[in-house]
Structure formats: C-alpha cells, structure tokens
Protein backbone atom coordinates (compact mmCIF):
# COMPACT_ATOMS: atom_id res chain seq x y z
CA MET A 1 4.08 -0.21 8.15
CA GLY A 2 1.20 -0.76 5.74
CA ILE A 3 0.57 -2.77 2.63
CA ASP A 4 2.84 -3.03 -0.37
CA TYR A 5 2.90 -5.34 -3.38
CA THR A 6 5.45 -7.22 -5.43
CA ILE A 7 5.11 -8.80 -8.85
CA LYS A 8 7.42 -11.65 -9.79
CA ASN A 9 6.62 -13.62 -12.94
CA ASP A 10 2.90 -14.39 -12.65
CA ILE A 11 2.62 -14.06 -8.84
CA PHE A 12 1.12 -10.88 -7.41
CA THR A 13 1.99 -10.63 -3.71
CA LEU A 14 0.41 -8.25 -1.23
CA VAL A 15 2.69 -7.78 1.78
CA ILE A 16 0.77 -6.71 4.89
CA GLU A 17 2.73 -5.23 7.80
CA GLY A 18 1.11 -3.79 10.91
CA ASP A 19 -2.53 -2.74 10.99
CA PHE A 20 -4.72 -3.32 7.95
CA SER A 21 -8.24 -2.59 6.81
CA ALA A 22 -10.43 -3.05 3.77
CA GLU A 23 -9.36 0.38 2.54
CA THR A 24 -5.65 -0.40 2.73
CA ILE A 25 -6.01 -3.79 1.05
CA ILE A 26 -8.15 -2.39 -1.77
CA GLY A 27 -5.77 0.57 -2.16
CA ALA A 28 -2.80 -1.78 -2.55
CA LEU A 29 -4.71 -3.93 -5.06
CA LYS A 30 -5.63 -0.84 -7.07
CA THR A 31 -2.05 0.43 -7.12
CA GLY A 32 -0.58 -2.98 -7.92
CA MET A 33 -3.01 -3.72 -10.72
CA ALA A 34 -2.09 -0.42 -12.38
CA ASP A 35 1.57 -1.51 -12.51
CA ASP A 36 2.79 -2.27 -16.04
CA ARG A 37 4.11 -5.64 -14.84
CA PHE A 38 0.59 -6.79 -13.88
CA THR A 39 -0.42 -9.18 -16.68
CA PRO A 40 -3.64 -11.08 -15.96
CA PRO A 41 -4.52 -13.64 -15.02
CA MET A 42 -2.15 -13.49 -12.05
CA ARG A 43 -1.64 -15.84 -9.13
CA ALA A 44 -2.32 -14.10 -5.79
CA LEU A 45 -0.33 -14.45 -2.58
CA PHE A 46 -1.04 -12.57 0.65
CA ASP A 47 1.97 -12.32 2.94
CA ALA A 48 0.58 -11.32 6.35
CA ARG A 49 3.43 -12.72 8.45
CA LYS A 50 4.24 -9.26 9.83
CA ALA A 51 0.66 -8.11 10.34
CA GLU A 52 0.38 -7.01 13.94
CA ASN A 53 -3.30 -6.40 14.52
CA PRO A 54 -6.27 -8.05 12.88
CA PHE A 55 -8.87 -5.96 11.11
CA ALA A 56 -10.77 -4.35 13.98
CA ALA A 57 -12.31 -1.16 12.62
CA GLU A 58 -16.06 -1.10 12.98
CA THR A 59 -17.96 -0.58 9.76
CA HIS A 60 -21.41 0.96 9.90
CA GLU A 61 -24.02 0.34 7.27
CA GLU A 62 -24.23 4.02 6.36
CA GLU A 63 -20.50 4.18 5.61
CA LYS A 64 -19.26 3.50 2.12
CA THR A 65 -16.79 0.66 1.81
CA PRO A 66 -14.34 0.22 -1.06
CA TYR A 67 -15.29 -2.55 -3.47
CA ALA A 68 -13.21 -4.23 -6.18
CA GLU A 69 -14.49 -6.03 -9.25
CA ILE A 70 -11.36 -7.99 -10.14
CA CYS A 71 -12.32 -11.67 -10.45
CA ASN A 72 -11.20 -11.99 -14.08
CA CYS A 73 -7.77 -10.62 -13.23
CA PHE A 74 -6.67 -13.47 -10.95
CA ILE A 75 -6.83 -17.23 -11.09
CA PRO A 76 -9.28 -18.57 -8.47
CA HIS A 77 -6.60 -20.25 -6.31
CA TRP A 78 -4.99 -17.92 -3.74
CA ALA A 79 -2.43 -18.48 -0.99
CA VAL A 80 -2.32 -16.69 2.37
CA VAL A 81 0.53 -16.78 4.88
CA ALA A 82 -0.48 -15.17 8.17
CA ALA A 83 1.00 -14.44 11.58
CA SER A 84 -2.01 -16.03 13.32
CA ASP A 85 -5.34 -17.68 12.62
CA THR A 86 -7.12 -14.45 13.58
CA ILE A 87 -5.20 -12.45 11.00
CA LEU A 88 -5.73 -15.19 8.41
CA PHE A 89 -9.48 -15.10 9.02
CA ASN A 90 -9.63 -11.32 8.83
CA VAL A 91 -7.66 -11.14 5.58
CA ALA A 92 -10.01 -13.72 4.03
CA GLN A 93 -13.06 -11.92 5.42
CA ILE A 94 -12.00 -8.62 3.89
CA ILE A 95 -11.31 -10.17 0.49
CA CYS A 96 -14.70 -11.91 0.43
CA ALA A 97 -16.62 -8.88 1.73
CA VAL A 98 -15.16 -6.16 -0.48
CA SER A 99 -14.59 -7.93 -3.78
CA ASP A 100 -16.28 -10.16 -6.31
CA LEU A 101 -13.94 -13.02 -5.32
CA ARG A 102 -16.42 -14.91 -3.16
CA GLY A 103 -15.75 -18.19 -4.98
CA VAL A 104 -11.99 -18.01 -4.62
CA ASP A 105 -10.20 -21.01 -3.18
CA MET A 106 -7.94 -19.49 -0.48
CA ARG A 107 -5.39 -21.81 1.08
CA SER A 108 -3.36 -20.97 4.16
CA TYR A 109 0.29 -21.82 4.68
CA ALA A 110 2.79 -21.43 7.50
CA ASP A 111 5.75 -20.93 5.16
CA ILE A 112 6.01 -18.32 2.39
CA ASP A 113 8.17 -20.55 0.18
CA GLU A 114 5.66 -23.40 0.41
CA ALA A 115 2.85 -20.99 -0.48
CA ARG A 116 4.71 -19.79 -3.58
CA SER A 117 5.53 -23.35 -4.53
CA ARG A 118 1.90 -24.49 -4.22
CA LEU A 119 0.69 -21.58 -6.33
CA THR A 120 2.88 -22.73 -9.20
CA TRP A 121 2.71 -26.46 -8.52
CA SER A 122 0.71 -27.22 -11.63
CA ASN A 123 -0.67 -25.30 -14.54
CA PHE A 124 -3.78 -23.28 -13.68
CA TYR A 125 -5.72 -24.75 -16.55
CA GLN A 126 -4.93 -28.25 -15.26
CA GLN A 127 -6.19 -27.25 -11.80
CA ASP A 128 -9.50 -25.80 -12.96
CA PRO A 129 -10.48 -26.86 -16.49
CA PHE A 130 -13.95 -25.29 -16.30
CA CYS A 131 -12.74 -21.77 -15.61
CA ARG A 132 -10.99 -20.22 -18.58
CA ILE A 133 -9.84 -16.67 -17.96
CA GLN A 134 -8.73 -14.67 -20.95
CA SER A 135 -6.32 -11.85 -20.17
CA GLY A 136 -8.38 -9.45 -22.26
CA SER A 137 -11.36 -9.93 -19.94
CA CYS A 138 -9.61 -8.31 -16.97
CA ARG A 139 -11.34 -5.00 -16.42
CA PRO A 140 -10.63 -4.03 -12.81
CA HIS A 141 -13.19 -1.65 -11.36
CA PHE A 142 -12.83 -0.03 -7.96
CA THR A 143 -15.74 1.76 -6.36
CA HIS A 144 -17.41 2.43 -3.00
CA GLN A 145 -20.64 0.85 -1.89
CA ARG A 146 -22.66 0.47 1.26
CA ILE A 147 -21.91 -2.84 2.94
CA SER A 148 -20.93 -3.91 6.41
CA LEU A 149 -18.21 -6.36 7.34
C-alpha cells in the first residue's frame, strides 16, 4: 500500500492505495517529478479508488509540514477519482494546504477512464487562454514549513 505514480504521454497520475498523508503525497510528487519522463506542463490525475482511510493524522502548528512549489509544472485543470466523498475531500484539502496550487480547478469523477478522457478533451490552451505555462518555467521546490491542515 502507499502512493505510486505513472506517466503516460502528458498525464501524470498519482495512485493512492491505503492510508495517505501530506507527507506521502508530497513524497510521491517529488519522486515522480524527478522522473525523466516528466515533461511540464503535465496534466494531473489522482487515482484514489483504492484509498482505504481518509487523511486523519493530526497536524500541530509546531510541526513542520512538507510544502511543494509546483504550480508551473502542471496545467491548472486536475482530475480526481476517489473511493468516497470523504477521501475526495481529503485529497483536495492536502493538495491545497501543502502546495501553491490553491487556484487549481479540481474535478471529481466516478470512473478513471472518464477522468482521463476529460483531461485530454480539448487542448489546454483552448481551455484557459489567459494562463500560458512555458515548460522552462517549471522549477519544482520541495521544502518544509509550519502550517496546520
């Protein structure tokens, strides 16, 4: 169990199985973005169909939480497929709390094939003409900071 990633064409998929936390999601992002096949900007898909327990670890303000500065590495339209609404909410909460992706448009789907299809339905630049992401501007930065979820 845990979190793994796959990269197929321009879709970066995080596969969440079992328990998950901010640390495990950020760790999988960090590992996946270091993969030679990661060519920004990527489309992001979270497959949480096999996630068993929602994020439940308590975070205290004095603890340091992982943080990812990765907004220029992904297009701002993400898809999430989750086992339940609670898991869906917790995945979205973690992404918004521990990254600079607060303005990301996250859509939820019941079917993984529909989610993949919607991610590639139309060209990114047709979807969001005001947000031009150049691949050279992707400078992922992972750190720890004091925040609470």
